[in-house]
Amino acid sequence: MLGKVGLRALYQTRIKEVSVTPWVDVGAEREFIKNNRVRINQRDSFDNDLSGITGVYSLGLSANISQTWNISATAGYKKGKHIESPGMPH
């Protein structure tokens, strides 16, 4: 079971006819399940313990280039006791 909390700060502006919104997210995730035993093909098993608190950070940019088209990009970073995920592009 995973709990999440966070904040997003954004700024909306226009560049010529394009609506542009850069943003930043800062948050935390808490995995409550400990000692999560995983078994693959009834043969191999391992402990998938991701319990604890993880810091989550991301930056993004969204642009409405027309009434029907929107483009966006996101990159992030996640770090905790049992996990680290640099990059995380979307």
PDB file of N, CA and C in Angstrom:
ATOM      1  N   MET A   1       0.849  -1.152   0.000  1.00  0.00           N
ATOM      2  CA  MET A   1       0.000   0.000   0.000  1.00  0.00           C
ATOM      3  C   MET A   1       0.907   1.231   0.000  1.00  0.00           C
ATOM      4  N   LEU A   2       0.613   2.171  -0.891  1.00  0.00           N
ATOM      5  CA  LEU A   2       1.438   3.354  -1.087  1.00  0.00           C
ATOM      6  C   LEU A   2       0.636   4.614  -0.785  1.00  0.00           C
ATOM      7  N   GLY A   3       1.193   5.488   0.056  1.00  0.00           N
ATOM      8  CA  GLY A   3       0.588   6.788   0.329  1.00  0.00           C
ATOM      9  C   GLY A   3       1.446   7.876  -0.288  1.00  0.00           C
ATOM     10  N   LYS A   4       0.815   8.912  -0.836  1.00  0.00           N
ATOM     11  CA  LYS A   4       1.542   9.998  -1.492  1.00  0.00           C
ATOM     12  C   LYS A   4       1.020  11.346  -1.027  1.00  0.00           C
ATOM     13  N   VAL A   5       1.939  12.327  -0.941  1.00  0.00           N
ATOM     14  CA  VAL A   5       1.580  13.710  -0.656  1.00  0.00           C
ATOM     15  C   VAL A   5       2.580  14.594  -1.396  1.00  0.00           C
ATOM     16  N   GLY A   6       2.112  15.751  -1.864  1.00  0.00           N
ATOM     17  CA  GLY A   6       3.031  16.620  -2.592  1.00  0.00           C
ATOM     18  C   GLY A   6       2.431  17.972  -2.917  1.00  0.00           C
ATOM     19  N   LEU A   7       3.281  18.824  -3.456  1.00  0.00           N
ATOM     20  CA  LEU A   7       2.881  20.168  -3.864  1.00  0.00           C
ATOM     21  C   LEU A   7       3.352  20.426  -5.289  1.00  0.00           C
ATOM     22  N   ARG A   8       2.593  21.223  -6.026  1.00  0.00           N
ATOM     23  CA  ARG A   8       2.976  21.632  -7.376  1.00  0.00           C
ATOM     24  C   ARG A   8       2.938  23.151  -7.447  1.00  0.00           C
ATOM     25  N   ALA A   9       4.018  23.732  -7.964  1.00  0.00           N
ATOM     26  CA  ALA A   9       4.065  25.169  -8.248  1.00  0.00           C
ATOM     27  C   ALA A   9       4.159  25.323  -9.758  1.00  0.00           C
ATOM     28  N   LEU A  10       3.338  26.220 -10.317  1.00  0.00           N
ATOM     29  CA  LEU A  10       3.361  26.416 -11.764  1.00  0.00           C
ATOM     30  C   LEU A  10       3.186  27.880 -12.101  1.00  0.00           C
ATOM     31  N   TYR A  11       3.542  28.210 -13.326  1.00  0.00           N
ATOM     32  CA  TYR A  11       3.416  29.582 -13.809  1.00  0.00           C
ATOM     33  C   TYR A  11       2.890  29.524 -15.239  1.00  0.00           C
ATOM     34  N   GLN A  12       1.736  30.116 -15.480  1.00  0.00           N
ATOM     35  CA  GLN A  12       1.157  30.126 -16.818  1.00  0.00           C
ATOM     36  C   GLN A  12       1.478  31.446 -17.503  1.00  0.00           C
ATOM     37  N   THR A  13       1.942  31.355 -18.745  1.00  0.00           N
ATOM     38  CA  THR A  13       2.264  32.542 -19.521  1.00  0.00           C
ATOM     39  C   THR A  13       1.961  32.281 -20.993  1.00  0.00           C
ATOM     40  N   ARG A  14       2.037  33.322 -21.793  1.00  0.00           N
ATOM     41  CA  ARG A  14       1.833  33.186 -23.237  1.00  0.00           C
ATOM     42  C   ARG A  14       3.076  33.691 -23.950  1.00  0.00           C
ATOM     43  N   ILE A  15       3.512  32.940 -24.929  1.00  0.00           N
ATOM     44  CA  ILE A  15       4.597  33.352 -25.813  1.00  0.00           C
ATOM     45  C   ILE A  15       4.007  33.370 -27.216  1.00  0.00           C
ATOM     46  N   LYS A  16       3.828  34.565 -27.744  1.00  0.00           N
ATOM     47  CA  LYS A  16       3.096  34.781 -29.000  1.00  0.00           C
ATOM     48  C   LYS A  16       1.706  34.192 -28.841  1.00  0.00           C
ATOM     49  N   GLU A  17       1.336  33.197 -29.617  1.00  0.00           N
ATOM     50  CA  GLU A  17      -0.005  32.604 -29.533  1.00  0.00           C
ATOM     51  C   GLU A  17      -0.024  31.287 -28.755  1.00  0.00           C
ATOM     52  N   VAL A  18       1.082  30.942 -28.096  1.00  0.00           N
ATOM     53  CA  VAL A  18       1.200  29.651 -27.416  1.00  0.00           C
ATOM     54  C   VAL A  18       1.107  29.845 -25.900  1.00  0.00           C
ATOM     55  N   SER A  19       0.218  29.090 -25.267  1.00  0.00           N
ATOM     56  CA  SER A  19       0.113  29.084 -23.811  1.00  0.00           C
ATOM     57  C   SER A  19       1.147  28.102 -23.257  1.00  0.00           C
ATOM     58  N   VAL A  20       2.058  28.599 -22.405  1.00  0.00           N
ATOM     59  CA  VAL A  20       3.155  27.785 -21.875  1.00  0.00           C
ATOM     60  C   VAL A  20       3.049  27.732 -20.350  1.00  0.00           C
ATOM     61  N   THR A  21       3.200  26.520 -19.790  1.00  0.00           N
ATOM     62  CA  THR A  21       3.121  26.337 -18.344  1.00  0.00           C
ATOM     63  C   THR A  21       4.286  25.483 -17.854  1.00  0.00           C
ATOM     64  N   PRO A  22       5.339  26.096 -17.301  1.00  0.00           N
ATOM     65  CA  PRO A  22       6.371  25.311 -16.620  1.00  0.00           C
ATOM     66  C   PRO A  22       5.912  25.019 -15.188  1.00  0.00           C
ATOM     67  N   TRP A  23       6.345  23.880 -14.634  1.00  0.00           N
ATOM     68  CA  TRP A  23       5.947  23.526 -13.280  1.00  0.00           C
ATOM     69  C   TRP A  23       7.011  22.691 -12.586  1.00  0.00           C
ATOM     70  N   VAL A  24       6.928  22.641 -11.262  1.00  0.00           N
ATOM     71  CA  VAL A  24       7.812  21.815 -10.437  1.00  0.00           C
ATOM     72  C   VAL A  24       6.957  21.118  -9.376  1.00  0.00           C
ATOM     73  N   ASP A  25       7.236  19.837  -9.147  1.00  0.00           N
ATOM     74  CA  ASP A  25       6.561  19.047  -8.113  1.00  0.00           C
ATOM     75  C   ASP A  25       7.574  18.631  -7.052  1.00  0.00           C
ATOM     76  N   VAL A  26       7.158  18.670  -5.797  1.00  0.00           N
ATOM     77  CA  VAL A  26       7.951  18.161  -4.681  1.00  0.00           C
ATOM     78  C   VAL A  26       7.002  17.338  -3.827  1.00  0.00           C
ATOM     79  N   GLY A  27       7.407  16.109  -3.496  1.00  0.00           N
ATOM     80  CA  GLY A  27       6.508  15.279  -2.718  1.00  0.00           C
ATOM     81  C   GLY A  27       7.216  14.156  -2.000  1.00  0.00           C
ATOM     82  N   ALA A  28       6.424  13.342  -1.330  1.00  0.00           N
ATOM     83  CA  ALA A  28       6.928  12.181  -0.610  1.00  0.00           C
ATOM     84  C   ALA A  28       5.967  11.021  -0.815  1.00  0.00           C
ATOM     85  N   GLU A  29       6.535   9.829  -0.885  1.00  0.00           N
ATOM     86  CA  GLU A  29       5.756   8.596  -0.962  1.00  0.00           C
ATOM     87  C   GLU A  29       6.132   7.723   0.227  1.00  0.00           C
ATOM     88  N   ARG A  30       5.173   6.995   0.760  1.00  0.00           N
ATOM     89  CA  ARG A  30       5.425   6.077   1.871  1.00  0.00           C
ATOM     90  C   ARG A  30       4.859   4.719   1.504  1.00  0.00           C
ATOM     91  N   GLU A  31       5.739   3.719   1.389  1.00  0.00           N
ATOM     92  CA  GLU A  31       5.316   2.336   1.144  1.00  0.00           C
ATOM     93  C   GLU A  31       5.154   1.666   2.504  1.00  0.00           C
ATOM     94  N   PHE A  32       3.962   1.140   2.774  1.00  0.00           N
ATOM     95  CA  PHE A  32       3.660   0.574   4.078  1.00  0.00           C
ATOM     96  C   PHE A  32       3.916  -0.929   4.160  1.00  0.00           C
ATOM     97  N   ILE A  33       4.028  -1.617   3.041  1.00  0.00           N
ATOM     98  CA  ILE A  33       4.219  -3.068   3.044  1.00  0.00           C
ATOM     99  C   ILE A  33       5.704  -3.379   3.170  1.00  0.00           C
ATOM    100  N   LYS A  34       6.042  -4.219   4.157  1.00  0.00           N
ATOM    101  CA  LYS A  34       7.428  -4.638   4.366  1.00  0.00           C
ATOM    102  C   LYS A  34       7.567  -6.109   3.994  1.00  0.00           C
ATOM    103  N   ASN A  35       8.774  -6.507   3.666  1.00  0.00           N
ATOM    104  CA  ASN A  35       9.076  -7.911   3.365  1.00  0.00           C
ATOM    105  C   ASN A  35       8.117  -8.487   2.331  1.00  0.00           C
ATOM    106  N   ASN A  36       8.009  -7.829   1.202  1.00  0.00           N
ATOM    107  CA  ASN A  36       7.115  -8.240   0.122  1.00  0.00           C
ATOM    108  C   ASN A  36       7.795  -9.334  -0.701  1.00  0.00           C
ATOM    109  N   ARG A  37       7.507 -10.581  -0.395  1.00  0.00           N
ATOM    110  CA  ARG A  37       8.121 -11.728  -1.061  1.00  0.00           C
ATOM    111  C   ARG A  37       7.489 -11.915  -2.439  1.00  0.00           C
ATOM    112  N   VAL A  38       8.316 -12.001  -3.479  1.00  0.00           N
ATOM    113  CA  VAL A  38       7.850 -12.173  -4.855  1.00  0.00           C
ATOM    114  C   VAL A  38       8.401 -13.486  -5.390  1.00  0.00           C
ATOM    115  N   ARG A  39       7.535 -14.260  -6.059  1.00  0.00           N
ATOM    116  CA  ARG A  39       7.953 -15.538  -6.640  1.00  0.00           C
ATOM    117  C   ARG A  39       7.650 -15.509  -8.132  1.00  0.00           C
ATOM    118  N   ILE A  40       8.630 -15.897  -8.949  1.00  0.00           N
ATOM    119  CA  ILE A  40       8.494 -15.880 -10.402  1.00  0.00           C
ATOM    120  C   ILE A  40       8.578 -17.307 -10.929  1.00  0.00           C
ATOM    121  N   ASN A  41       7.583 -17.690 -11.729  1.00  0.00           N
ATOM    122  CA  ASN A  41       7.533 -19.014 -12.369  1.00  0.00           C
ATOM    123  C   ASN A  41       7.646 -20.163 -11.370  1.00  0.00           C
ATOM    124  N   GLN A  42       7.122 -19.991 -10.187  1.00  0.00           N
ATOM    125  CA  GLN A  42       7.127 -21.020  -9.145  1.00  0.00           C
ATOM    126  C   GLN A  42       8.534 -21.529  -8.829  1.00  0.00           C
ATOM    127  N   ARG A  43       9.565 -20.743  -9.186  1.00  0.00           N
ATOM    128  CA  ARG A  43      10.937 -21.203  -9.018  1.00  0.00           C
ATOM    129  C   ARG A  43      11.822 -20.192  -8.300  1.00  0.00           C
ATOM    130  N   ASP A  44      11.868 -19.001  -8.827  1.00  0.00           N
ATOM    131  CA  ASP A  44      12.750 -17.973  -8.288  1.00  0.00           C
ATOM    132  C   ASP A  44      11.957 -17.029  -7.396  1.00  0.00           C
ATOM    133  N   SER A  45      12.549 -16.643  -6.278  1.00  0.00           N
ATOM    134  CA  SER A  45      11.877 -15.689  -5.400  1.00  0.00           C
ATOM    135  C   SER A  45      12.889 -14.675  -4.866  1.00  0.00           C
ATOM    136  N   PHE A  46      12.361 -13.510  -4.505  1.00  0.00           N
ATOM    137  CA  PHE A  46      13.192 -12.460  -3.928  1.00  0.00           C
ATOM    138  C   PHE A  46      12.323 -11.565  -3.058  1.00  0.00           C
ATOM    139  N   ASP A  47      12.963 -10.754  -2.225  1.00  0.00           N
ATOM    140  CA  ASP A  47      12.262  -9.837  -1.334  1.00  0.00           C
ATOM    141  C   ASP A  47      12.205  -8.467  -1.990  1.00  0.00           C
ATOM    142  N   ASN A  48      11.015  -8.027  -2.360  1.00  0.00           N
ATOM    143  CA  ASN A  48      10.805  -6.741  -3.025  1.00  0.00           C
ATOM    144  C   ASN A  48      10.408  -5.694  -1.979  1.00  0.00           C
ATOM    145  N   ASP A  49      11.310  -5.414  -1.035  1.00  0.00           N
ATOM    146  CA  ASP A  49      11.024  -4.502   0.071  1.00  0.00           C
ATOM    147  C   ASP A  49      11.328  -3.066  -0.333  1.00  0.00           C
ATOM    148  N   LEU A  50      10.292  -2.283  -0.610  1.00  0.00           N
ATOM    149  CA  LEU A  50      10.428  -0.863  -0.933  1.00  0.00           C
ATOM    150  C   LEU A  50       9.851  -0.002   0.182  1.00  0.00           C
ATOM    151  N   SER A  51       9.738  -0.578   1.394  1.00  0.00           N
ATOM    152  CA  SER A  51       9.107   0.131   2.505  1.00  0.00           C
ATOM    153  C   SER A  51       9.904   1.370   2.900  1.00  0.00           C
ATOM    154  N   GLY A  52       9.196   2.329   3.481  1.00  0.00           N
ATOM    155  CA  GLY A  52       9.825   3.554   3.943  1.00  0.00           C
ATOM    156  C   GLY A  52       9.364   4.764   3.155  1.00  0.00           C
ATOM    157  N   ILE A  53      10.037   5.888   3.429  1.00  0.00           N
ATOM    158  CA  ILE A  53       9.681   7.164   2.806  1.00  0.00           C
ATOM    159  C   ILE A  53      10.635   7.466   1.664  1.00  0.00           C
ATOM    160  N   THR A  54      10.078   7.933   0.557  1.00  0.00           N
ATOM    161  CA  THR A  54      10.845   8.279  -0.639  1.00  0.00           C
ATOM    162  C   THR A  54      10.532   9.715  -1.029  1.00  0.00           C
ATOM    163  N   GLY A  55      11.566  10.503  -1.309  1.00  0.00           N
ATOM    164  CA  GLY A  55      11.382  11.857  -1.822  1.00  0.00           C
ATOM    165  C   GLY A  55      11.194  11.814  -3.328  1.00  0.00           C
ATOM    166  N   VAL A  56      10.251  12.586  -3.837  1.00  0.00           N
ATOM    167  CA  VAL A  56       9.935  12.600  -5.268  1.00  0.00           C
ATOM    168  C   VAL A  56       9.990  14.046  -5.765  1.00  0.00           C
ATOM    169  N   TYR A  57      10.744  14.269  -6.842  1.00  0.00           N
ATOM    170  CA  TYR A  57      10.926  15.612  -7.394  1.00  0.00           C
ATOM    171  C   TYR A  57      10.768  15.542  -8.904  1.00  0.00           C
ATOM    172  N   SER A  58      10.084  16.512  -9.504  1.00  0.00           N
ATOM    173  CA  SER A  58       9.964  16.519 -10.964  1.00  0.00           C
ATOM    174  C   SER A  58       9.765  17.934 -11.491  1.00  0.00           C
ATOM    175  N   LEU A  59      10.182  18.111 -12.738  1.00  0.00           N
ATOM    176  CA  LEU A  59      10.031  19.359 -13.481  1.00  0.00           C
ATOM    177  C   LEU A  59       9.270  19.055 -14.749  1.00  0.00           C
ATOM    178  N   GLY A  60       8.491  20.006 -15.229  1.00  0.00           N
ATOM    179  CA  GLY A  60       7.764  19.772 -16.464  1.00  0.00           C
ATOM    180  C   GLY A  60       7.434  21.055 -17.189  1.00  0.00           C
ATOM    181  N   LEU A  61       7.019  20.874 -18.417  1.00  0.00           N
ATOM    182  CA  LEU A  61       6.625  21.992 -19.265  1.00  0.00           C
ATOM    183  C   LEU A  61       5.488  21.514 -20.151  1.00  0.00           C
ATOM    184  N   SER A  62       4.436  22.313 -20.224  1.00  0.00           N
ATOM    185  CA  SER A  62       3.292  22.004 -21.072  1.00  0.00           C
ATOM    186  C   SER A  62       3.029  23.209 -21.962  1.00  0.00           C
ATOM    187  N   ALA A  63       2.698  22.952 -23.222  1.00  0.00           N
ATOM    188  CA  ALA A  63       2.413  24.042 -24.158  1.00  0.00           C
ATOM    189  C   ALA A  63       1.195  23.691 -24.996  1.00  0.00           C
ATOM    190  N   ASN A  64       0.210  24.583 -25.021  1.00  0.00           N
ATOM    191  CA  ASN A  64      -0.960  24.445 -25.891  1.00  0.00           C
ATOM    192  C   ASN A  64      -0.626  25.157 -27.192  1.00  0.00           C
ATOM    193  N   ILE A  65      -0.282  24.382 -28.211  1.00  0.00           N
ATOM    194  CA  ILE A  65       0.149  24.997 -29.464  1.00  0.00           C
ATOM    195  C   ILE A  65      -1.017  25.322 -30.388  1.00  0.00           C
ATOM    196  N   SER A  66      -2.193  24.776 -30.084  1.00  0.00           N
ATOM    197  CA  SER A  66      -3.423  25.124 -30.800  1.00  0.00           C
ATOM    198  C   SER A  66      -4.592  24.742 -29.895  1.00  0.00           C
ATOM    199  N   GLN A  67      -5.814  24.923 -30.377  1.00  0.00           N
ATOM    200  CA  GLN A  67      -6.978  24.548 -29.571  1.00  0.00           C
ATOM    201  C   GLN A  67      -7.088  23.041 -29.389  1.00  0.00           C
ATOM    202  N   THR A  68      -6.495  22.269 -30.284  1.00  0.00           N
ATOM    203  CA  THR A  68      -6.621  20.813 -30.211  1.00  0.00           C
ATOM    204  C   THR A  68      -5.309  20.095 -29.919  1.00  0.00           C
ATOM    205  N   TRP A  69      -4.176  20.802 -29.906  1.00  0.00           N
ATOM    206  CA  TRP A  69      -2.878  20.150 -29.699  1.00  0.00           C
ATOM    207  C   TRP A  69      -2.175  20.705 -28.471  1.00  0.00           C
ATOM    208  N   ASN A  70      -1.683  19.766 -27.642  1.00  0.00           N
ATOM    209  CA  ASN A  70      -0.908  20.107 -26.452  1.00  0.00           C
ATOM    210  C   ASN A  70       0.326  19.215 -26.433  1.00  0.00           C
ATOM    211  N   ILE A  71       1.486  19.785 -26.146  1.00  0.00           N
ATOM    212  CA  ILE A  71       2.691  18.978 -25.973  1.00  0.00           C
ATOM    213  C   ILE A  71       3.207  19.202 -24.556  1.00  0.00           C
ATOM    214  N   SER A  72       3.830  18.168 -24.000  1.00  0.00           N
ATOM    215  CA  SER A  72       4.373  18.304 -22.654  1.00  0.00           C
ATOM    216  C   SER A  72       5.575  17.393 -22.483  1.00  0.00           C
ATOM    217  N   ALA A  73       6.410  17.735 -21.519  1.00  0.00           N
ATOM    218  CA  ALA A  73       7.581  16.929 -21.178  1.00  0.00           C
ATOM    219  C   ALA A  73       7.765  16.985 -19.668  1.00  0.00           C
ATOM    220  N   THR A  74       8.205  15.862 -19.097  1.00  0.00           N
ATOM    221  CA  THR A  74       8.420  15.766 -17.661  1.00  0.00           C
ATOM    222  C   THR A  74       9.701  14.986 -17.401  1.00  0.00           C
ATOM    223  N   ALA A  75      10.458  15.414 -16.408  1.00  0.00           N
ATOM    224  CA  ALA A  75      11.624  14.666 -15.938  1.00  0.00           C
ATOM    225  C   ALA A  75      11.599  14.707 -14.420  1.00  0.00           C
ATOM    226  N   GLY A  76      11.997  13.604 -13.792  1.00  0.00           N
ATOM    227  CA  GLY A  76      11.919  13.565 -12.341  1.00  0.00           C
ATOM    228  C   GLY A  76      13.008  12.730 -11.713  1.00  0.00           C
ATOM    229  N   TYR A  77      13.008  12.734 -10.395  1.00  0.00           N
ATOM    230  CA  TYR A  77      13.990  12.004  -9.603  1.00  0.00           C
ATOM    231  C   TYR A  77      13.295  11.494  -8.351  1.00  0.00           C
ATOM    232  N   LYS A  78      13.642  10.268  -7.951  1.00  0.00           N
ATOM    233  CA  LYS A  78      13.039   9.633  -6.782  1.00  0.00           C
ATOM    234  C   LYS A  78      14.158   8.992  -5.966  1.00  0.00           C
ATOM    235  N   LYS A  79      14.186   9.243  -4.643  1.00  0.00           N
ATOM    236  CA  LYS A  79      15.247   8.692  -3.795  1.00  0.00           C
ATOM    237  C   LYS A  79      14.681   8.308  -2.445  1.00  0.00           C
ATOM    238  N   GLY A  80      14.953   7.055  -2.056  1.00  0.00           N
ATOM    239  CA  GLY A  80      14.550   6.553  -0.751  1.00  0.00           C
ATOM    240  C   GLY A  80      15.556   5.538  -0.258  1.00  0.00           C
ATOM    241  N   LYS A  81      15.276   4.912   0.870  1.00  0.00           N
ATOM    242  CA  LYS A  81      16.190   3.936   1.463  1.00  0.00           C
ATOM    243  C   LYS A  81      16.410   2.732   0.554  1.00  0.00           C
ATOM    244  N   HIS A  82      15.338   2.268  -0.103  1.00  0.00           N
ATOM    245  CA  HIS A  82      15.419   1.061  -0.927  1.00  0.00           C
ATOM    246  C   HIS A  82      15.290   1.333  -2.423  1.00  0.00           C
ATOM    247  N   ILE A  83      15.222   2.602  -2.830  1.00  0.00           N
ATOM    248  CA  ILE A  83      14.984   2.894  -4.248  1.00  0.00           C
ATOM    249  C   ILE A  83      15.642   4.214  -4.636  1.00  0.00           C
ATOM    250  N   GLU A  84      16.152   4.257  -5.870  1.00  0.00           N
ATOM    251  CA  GLU A  84      16.616   5.503  -6.474  1.00  0.00           C
ATOM    252  C   GLU A  84      16.310   5.417  -7.959  1.00  0.00           C
ATOM    253  N   SER A  85      15.598   6.410  -8.471  1.00  0.00           N
ATOM    254  CA  SER A  85      15.227   6.452  -9.887  1.00  0.00           C
ATOM    255  C   SER A  85      15.583   7.818 -10.460  1.00  0.00           C
ATOM    256  N   PRO A  86      16.791   7.970 -10.979  1.00  0.00           N
ATOM    257  CA  PRO A  86      17.126   9.238 -11.629  1.00  0.00           C
ATOM    258  C   PRO A  86      16.498   9.314 -13.013  1.00  0.00           C
ATOM    259  N   GLY A  87      16.218  10.501 -13.457  1.00  0.00           N
ATOM    260  CA  GLY A  87      15.684  10.686 -14.812  1.00  0.00           C
ATOM    261  C   GLY A  87      14.187  10.653 -14.879  1.00  0.00           C
ATOM    262  N   MET A  88      13.601   9.495 -14.888  1.00  0.00           N
ATOM    263  CA  MET A  88      12.158   9.278 -14.993  1.00  0.00           C
ATOM    264  C   MET A  88      11.485  10.166 -16.028  1.00  0.00           C
ATOM    265  N   PRO A  89      11.918  10.160 -17.292  1.00  0.00           N
ATOM    266  CA  PRO A  89      11.238  11.014 -18.288  1.00  0.00           C
ATOM    267  C   PRO A  89       9.855  10.474 -18.615  1.00  0.00           C
ATOM    268  N   HIS A  90       8.948  11.377 -19.016  1.00  0.00           N
ATOM    269  CA  HIS A  90       7.581  10.994 -19.419  1.00  0.00           C
ATOM    270  C   HIS A  90       7.332  11.542 -20.790  1.00  0.00           C
TER     271      HIS A  90
END
